[in-house]
C-alpha atoms as a PDB file:
ATOM      1  CA  UNK A   1     208.562  11.906 118.484  1.00  0.00           C
ATOM      2  CA  UNK A   2     207.965  15.161 116.617  1.00  0.00           C
ATOM      3  CA  UNK A   3     209.640  18.111 114.943  1.00  0.00           C
ATOM      4  CA  UNK A   4     208.524  20.076 118.040  1.00  0.00           C
ATOM      5  CA  UNK A   5     209.930  19.648 121.531  1.00  0.00           C
ATOM      6  CA  UNK A   6     206.929  17.928 123.161  1.00  0.00           C
ATOM      7  CA  UNK A   7     206.983  16.969 126.847  1.00  0.00           C
ATOM      8  CA  UNK A   8     206.628  13.392 127.963  1.00  0.00           C
ATOM      9  CA  UNK A   9     204.451  12.358 130.832  1.00  0.00           C
ATOM     10  CA  UNK A  10     207.606  12.530 133.030  1.00  0.00           C
ATOM     11  CA  UNK A  11     208.709  16.022 131.910  1.00  0.00           C
ATOM     12  CA  UNK A  12     205.259  17.732 131.635  1.00  0.00           C
ATOM     13  CA  UNK A  13     204.483  20.458 134.158  1.00  0.00           C
ATOM     14  CA  UNK A  14     201.598  22.693 135.166  1.00  0.00           C
ATOM     15  CA  UNK A  15     198.362  22.425 133.195  1.00  0.00           C
ATOM     16  CA  UNK A  16     199.905  20.037 130.697  1.00  0.00           C
ATOM     17  CA  UNK A  17     200.894  17.646 133.498  1.00  0.00           C
ATOM     18  CA  UNK A  18     197.365  17.828 134.942  1.00  0.00           C
ATOM     19  CA  UNK A  19     195.788  16.989 131.568  1.00  0.00           C
ATOM     20  CA  UNK A  20     198.342  14.256 130.853  1.00  0.00           C
ATOM     21  CA  UNK A  21     197.505  12.700 134.245  1.00  0.00           C
ATOM     22  CA  UNK A  22     193.809  12.655 133.308  1.00  0.00           C
ATOM     23  CA  UNK A  23     194.559  11.084 129.931  1.00  0.00           C
ATOM     24  CA  UNK A  24     196.840   8.515 131.477  1.00  0.00           C
ATOM     25  CA  UNK A  25     194.121   7.614 133.959  1.00  0.00           C
ATOM     26  CA  UNK A  26     191.597   7.222 131.169  1.00  0.00           C
ATOM     27  CA  UNK A  27     193.761   5.375 128.636  1.00  0.00           C
ATOM     28  CA  UNK A  28     196.708   3.969 130.571  1.00  0.00           C
ATOM     29  CA  UNK A  29     199.144   6.169 128.623  1.00  0.00           C
ATOM     30  CA  UNK A  30     199.242   9.394 126.702  1.00  0.00           C
ATOM     31  CA  UNK A  31     199.377   8.647 122.967  1.00  0.00           C
ATOM     32  CA  UNK A  32     201.860  10.589 120.874  1.00  0.00           C
ATOM     33  CA  UNK A  33     199.025  12.120 118.906  1.00  0.00           C
ATOM     34  CA  UNK A  34     197.586  13.687 122.030  1.00  0.00           C
ATOM     35  CA  UNK A  35     201.013  14.695 123.339  1.00  0.00           C
ATOM     36  CA  UNK A  36     201.501  16.858 120.224  1.00  0.00           C
ATOM     37  CA  UNK A  37     198.705  19.142 121.354  1.00  0.00           C
ATOM     38  CA  UNK A  38     200.788  20.152 124.413  1.00  0.00           C
ATOM     39  CA  UNK A  39     202.771  22.466 122.120  1.00  0.00           C
ATOM     40  CA  UNK A  40     199.916  24.842 123.050  1.00  0.00           C
ATOM     41  CA  UNK A  41     198.430  24.036 126.465  1.00  0.00           C
ATOM     42  CA  UNK A  42     195.115  25.738 125.578  1.00  0.00           C
ATOM     43  CA  UNK A  43     194.867  23.608 122.397  1.00  0.00           C
ATOM     44  CA  UNK A  44     195.610  20.507 124.478  1.00  0.00           C
ATOM     45  CA  UNK A  45     192.826  21.406 126.883  1.00  0.00           C
ATOM     46  CA  UNK A  46     190.354  21.974 124.031  1.00  0.00           C
ATOM     47  CA  UNK A  47     191.339  18.726 122.294  1.00  0.00           C
ATOM     48  CA  UNK A  48     191.062  16.715 125.519  1.00  0.00           C
ATOM     49  CA  UNK A  49     187.641  18.234 126.166  1.00  0.00           C
ATOM     50  CA  UNK A  50     186.527  17.161 122.676  1.00  0.00           C
ATOM     51  CA  UNK A  51     187.800  13.656 123.295  1.00  0.00           C
ATOM     52  CA  UNK A  52     185.971  13.457 126.641  1.00  0.00           C
ATOM     53  CA  UNK A  53     182.777  14.704 124.942  1.00  0.00           C
ATOM     54  CA  UNK A  54     183.035  11.907 122.337  1.00  0.00           C
ATOM     55  CA  UNK A  55     183.714   9.352 125.066  1.00  0.00           C
ATOM     56  CA  UNK A  56     180.587  10.422 126.916  1.00  0.00           C
ATOM     57  CA  UNK A  57     178.405   9.383 123.969  1.00  0.00           C
ATOM     58  CA  UNK A  58     177.032   5.875 123.346  1.00  0.00           C
ATOM     59  CA  UNK A  59     179.108   3.151 121.653  1.00  0.00           C
ATOM     60  CA  UNK A  60     177.354   3.556 118.297  1.00  0.00           C
ATOM     61  CA  UNK A  61     178.198   7.266 118.168  1.00  0.00           C
ATOM     62  CA  UNK A  62     181.798   6.538 119.161  1.00  0.00           C
ATOM     63  CA  UNK A  63     181.983   3.952 116.363  1.00  0.00           C
ATOM     64  CA  UNK A  64     180.635   6.522 113.887  1.00  0.00           C
ATOM     65  CA  UNK A  65     183.255   9.031 114.985  1.00  0.00           C
ATOM     66  CA  UNK A  66     186.003   6.430 114.665  1.00  0.00           C
ATOM     67  CA  UNK A  67     184.887   5.481 111.111  1.00  0.00           C
ATOM     68  CA  UNK A  68     184.924   9.142 110.132  1.00  0.00           C
ATOM     69  CA  UNK A  69     188.352   9.708 111.636  1.00  0.00           C
ATOM     70  CA  UNK A  70     189.622   6.601 109.799  1.00  0.00           C
ATOM     71  CA  UNK A  71     188.145   7.590 106.403  1.00  0.00           C
ATOM     72  CA  UNK A  72     189.244  11.256 106.609  1.00  0.00           C
ATOM     73  CA  UNK A  73     192.755  10.168 107.613  1.00  0.00           C
ATOM     74  CA  UNK A  74     192.914   7.600 104.843  1.00  0.00           C
ATOM     75  CA  UNK A  75     191.922  10.253 102.294  1.00  0.00           C
ATOM     76  CA  UNK A  76     194.585  12.564 103.652  1.00  0.00           C
ATOM     77  CA  UNK A  77     197.276   9.900 103.973  1.00  0.00           C
ATOM     78  CA  UNK A  78     197.839  10.455 107.710  1.00  0.00           C
ATOM     79  CA  UNK A  79     199.599   7.252 108.684  1.00  0.00           C
ATOM     80  CA  UNK A  80     199.398   7.855 112.409  1.00  0.00           C
ATOM     81  CA  UNK A  81     195.628   8.456 112.350  1.00  0.00           C
ATOM     82  CA  UNK A  82     194.910   5.634 109.892  1.00  0.00           C
ATOM     83  CA  UNK A  83     196.782   3.209 112.168  1.00  0.00           C
ATOM     84  CA  UNK A  84     195.296   4.508 115.388  1.00  0.00           C
ATOM     85  CA  UNK A  85     191.679   4.611 114.199  1.00  0.00           C
ATOM     86  CA  UNK A  86     191.956   1.472 112.103  1.00  0.00           C
ATOM     87  CA  UNK A  87     193.257  -0.303 115.205  1.00  0.00           C
ATOM     88  CA  UNK A  88     190.311   0.932 117.197  1.00  0.00           C
ATOM     89  CA  UNK A  89     187.857  -0.234 114.573  1.00  0.00           C
ATOM     90  CA  UNK A  90     189.448  -3.669 114.554  1.00  0.00           C
ATOM     91  CA  UNK A  91     190.028  -4.055 118.300  1.00  0.00           C
ATOM     92  CA  UNK A  92     186.953  -2.345 119.734  1.00  0.00           C
ATOM     93  CA  UNK A  93     184.342  -2.661 117.014  1.00  0.00           C
ATOM     94  CA  UNK A  94     185.216  -6.002 115.377  1.00  0.00           C
ATOM     95  CA  UNK A  95     186.062  -4.679 111.910  1.00  0.00           C
ATOM     96  CA  UNK A  96     188.287  -6.827 109.709  1.00  0.00           C
ATOM     97  CA  UNK A  97     191.135  -5.590 107.527  1.00  0.00           C
ATOM     98  CA  UNK A  98     188.976  -6.441 104.536  1.00  0.00           C
ATOM     99  CA  UNK A  99     186.124  -4.296 105.857  1.00  0.00           C
ATOM    100  CA  UNK A 100     188.485  -1.381 106.496  1.00  0.00           C
ATOM    101  CA  UNK A 101     189.596  -1.537 102.870  1.00  0.00           C
ATOM    102  CA  UNK A 102     186.015  -1.874 101.642  1.00  0.00           C
ATOM    103  CA  UNK A 103     184.678   1.171 103.455  1.00  0.00           C
ATOM    104  CA  UNK A 104     187.437   3.355 101.970  1.00  0.00           C
ATOM    105  CA  UNK A 105     185.736   3.128  98.556  1.00  0.00           C
ATOM    106  CA  UNK A 106     182.249   2.268  99.810  1.00  0.00           C
ATOM    107  CA  UNK A 107     181.592   4.056 103.123  1.00  0.00           C
ATOM    108  CA  UNK A 108     177.939   3.090 102.900  1.00  0.00           C
ATOM    109  CA  UNK A 109     179.052  -0.438 103.772  1.00  0.00           C
ATOM    110  CA  UNK A 110     180.203   0.619 107.243  1.00  0.00           C
ATOM    111  CA  UNK A 111     178.243  -1.391 109.819  1.00  0.00           C
ATOM    112  CA  UNK A 112     176.361   1.517 111.369  1.00  0.00           C
ATOM    113  CA  UNK A 113     172.721   2.128 112.214  1.00  0.00           C
ATOM    114  CA  UNK A 114     170.776   3.906 109.446  1.00  0.00           C
ATOM    115  CA  UNK A 115     170.880   7.299 111.131  1.00  0.00           C
ATOM    116  CA  UNK A 116     174.626   7.154 111.675  1.00  0.00           C
ATOM    117  CA  UNK A 117     175.229   5.863 108.216  1.00  0.00           C
ATOM    118  CA  UNK A 118     173.351   8.851 106.822  1.00  0.00           C
ATOM    119  CA  UNK A 119     175.475  11.168 109.022  1.00  0.00           C
ATOM    120  CA  UNK A 120     178.653   9.439 107.837  1.00  0.00           C
ATOM    121  CA  UNK A 121     177.770   9.817 104.155  1.00  0.00           C
ATOM    122  CA  UNK A 122     176.762  13.427 104.663  1.00  0.00           C
ATOM    123  CA  UNK A 123     180.014  14.252 106.484  1.00  0.00           C
ATOM    124  CA  UNK A 124     182.151  12.602 103.848  1.00  0.00           C
ATOM    125  CA  UNK A 125     180.244  14.398 101.087  1.00  0.00           C
ATOM    126  CA  UNK A 126     180.714  17.719 102.861  1.00  0.00           C
ATOM    127  CA  UNK A 127     184.444  17.223 102.987  1.00  0.00           C
ATOM    128  CA  UNK A 128     184.699  16.089  99.412  1.00  0.00           C
ATOM    129  CA  UNK A 129     182.616  18.879  97.923  1.00  0.00           C
ATOM    130  CA  UNK A 130     180.960  21.283 100.377  1.00  0.00           C
ATOM    131  CA  UNK A 131     179.661  23.438  97.506  1.00  0.00           C
ATOM    132  CA  UNK A 132     177.494  20.549  96.345  1.00  0.00           C
ATOM    133  CA  UNK A 133     175.570  20.256  99.651  1.00  0.00           C
ATOM    134  CA  UNK A 134     171.976  21.448  99.243  1.00  0.00           C
ATOM    135  CA  UNK A 135     169.007  22.246 101.447  1.00  0.00           C
ATOM    136  CA  UNK A 136     167.515  18.982 100.193  1.00  0.00           C
ATOM    137  CA  UNK A 137     170.493  17.079 101.602  1.00  0.00           C
ATOM    138  CA  UNK A 138     169.987  18.688 105.028  1.00  0.00           C
ATOM    139  CA  UNK A 139     166.227  18.137 104.836  1.00  0.00           C
ATOM    140  CA  UNK A 140     166.756  14.467 104.046  1.00  0.00           C
ATOM    141  CA  UNK A 141     168.740  14.097 107.268  1.00  0.00           C
ATOM    142  CA  UNK A 142     166.054  15.945 109.245  1.00  0.00           C
ATOM    143  CA  UNK A 143     163.440  13.613 107.746  1.00  0.00           C
ATOM    144  CA  UNK A 144     165.343  10.773 109.415  1.00  0.00           C
ATOM    145  CA  UNK A 145     164.987  12.463 112.797  1.00  0.00           C
ATOM    146  CA  UNK A 146     168.477  13.974 112.779  1.00  0.00           C
ATOM    147  CA  UNK A 147     168.704  17.365 114.486  1.00  0.00           C
ATOM    148  CA  UNK A 148     170.493  20.408 113.177  1.00  0.00           C
ATOM    149  CA  UNK A 149     172.913  20.152 116.118  1.00  0.00           C
ATOM    150  CA  UNK A 150     173.798  16.562 115.084  1.00  0.00           C
ATOM    151  CA  UNK A 151     174.227  17.673 111.437  1.00  0.00           C
ATOM    152  CA  UNK A 152     176.488  20.571 112.421  1.00  0.00           C
ATOM    153  CA  UNK A 153     178.465  18.445 114.909  1.00  0.00           C
ATOM    154  CA  UNK A 154     179.205  15.672 112.419  1.00  0.00           C
ATOM    155  CA  UNK A 155     180.591  18.094 109.833  1.00  0.00           C
ATOM    156  CA  UNK A 156     182.526  19.929 112.510  1.00  0.00           C
ATOM    157  CA  UNK A 157     183.997  16.664 113.721  1.00  0.00           C
ATOM    158  CA  UNK A 158     184.910  15.462 110.223  1.00  0.00           C
ATOM    159  CA  UNK A 159     186.483  18.768 109.251  1.00  0.00           C
ATOM    160  CA  UNK A 160     188.391  18.898 112.577  1.00  0.00           C
ATOM    161  CA  UNK A 161     190.022  15.681 111.484  1.00  0.00           C
ATOM    162  CA  UNK A 162     191.557  17.572 108.549  1.00  0.00           C
ATOM    163  CA  UNK A 163     193.236  19.862 111.040  1.00  0.00           C
ATOM    164  CA  UNK A 164     194.470  16.895 113.083  1.00  0.00           C
ATOM    165  CA  UNK A 165     195.851  15.169 109.961  1.00  0.00           C
ATOM    166  CA  UNK A 166     197.645  18.330 108.920  1.00  0.00           C
ATOM    167  CA  UNK A 167     199.217  18.813 112.354  1.00  0.00           C
ATOM    168  CA  UNK A 168     200.307  15.200 112.689  1.00  0.00           C
ATOM    169  CA  UNK A 169     201.852  15.044 109.233  1.00  0.00           C
ATOM    170  CA  UNK A 170     203.489  18.486 109.479  1.00  0.00           C
ATOM    171  CA  UNK A 171     205.136  17.711 112.811  1.00  0.00           C
ATOM    172  CA  UNK A 172     205.878  14.049 112.028  1.00  0.00           C
ATOM    173  CA  UNK A 173     204.020  12.373 114.910  1.00  0.00           C
ATOM    174  CA  UNK A 174     205.359   8.836 115.237  1.00  0.00           C
ATOM    175  CA  UNK A 175     203.247   5.736 115.840  1.00  0.00           C
ATOM    176  CA  UNK A 176     202.943   4.744 119.498  1.00  0.00           C
END
């Protein structure tokens, strides 16, 4: 599965086993991408808590997060994450293969509500060139009723995907 010796659901013990059991209950299995985090049980716990936080949000927010994960992973050539998130966009949110290809070059065409589209474009801009972000950019989001917490969280989430892409590609996480 990986360049690291990662436990399976059958061989996991202790805190890792407890978290794997929660994940299996939620998803029916523990995806390879989540299993990688068990190389450091504290990192696994933090990642699982972030996933649970995203799952506690409404469907539109979850779709926004999935689009961001897909686009960041596409830009970073993370095959596992592109496949996983592309599959979610197709199977859960009704995207077509053509739409997936289209939003790679034109993220503004993602079928999101205006507020979430603005957050998407801001997050992608922040990853592409953080030095170009201005107070006016932040103020434009605030003018749309977007809070500073939401602005911070979307950039945090998008940049966290860079970490995930790096880990998955470094340690050769295989598709499920």
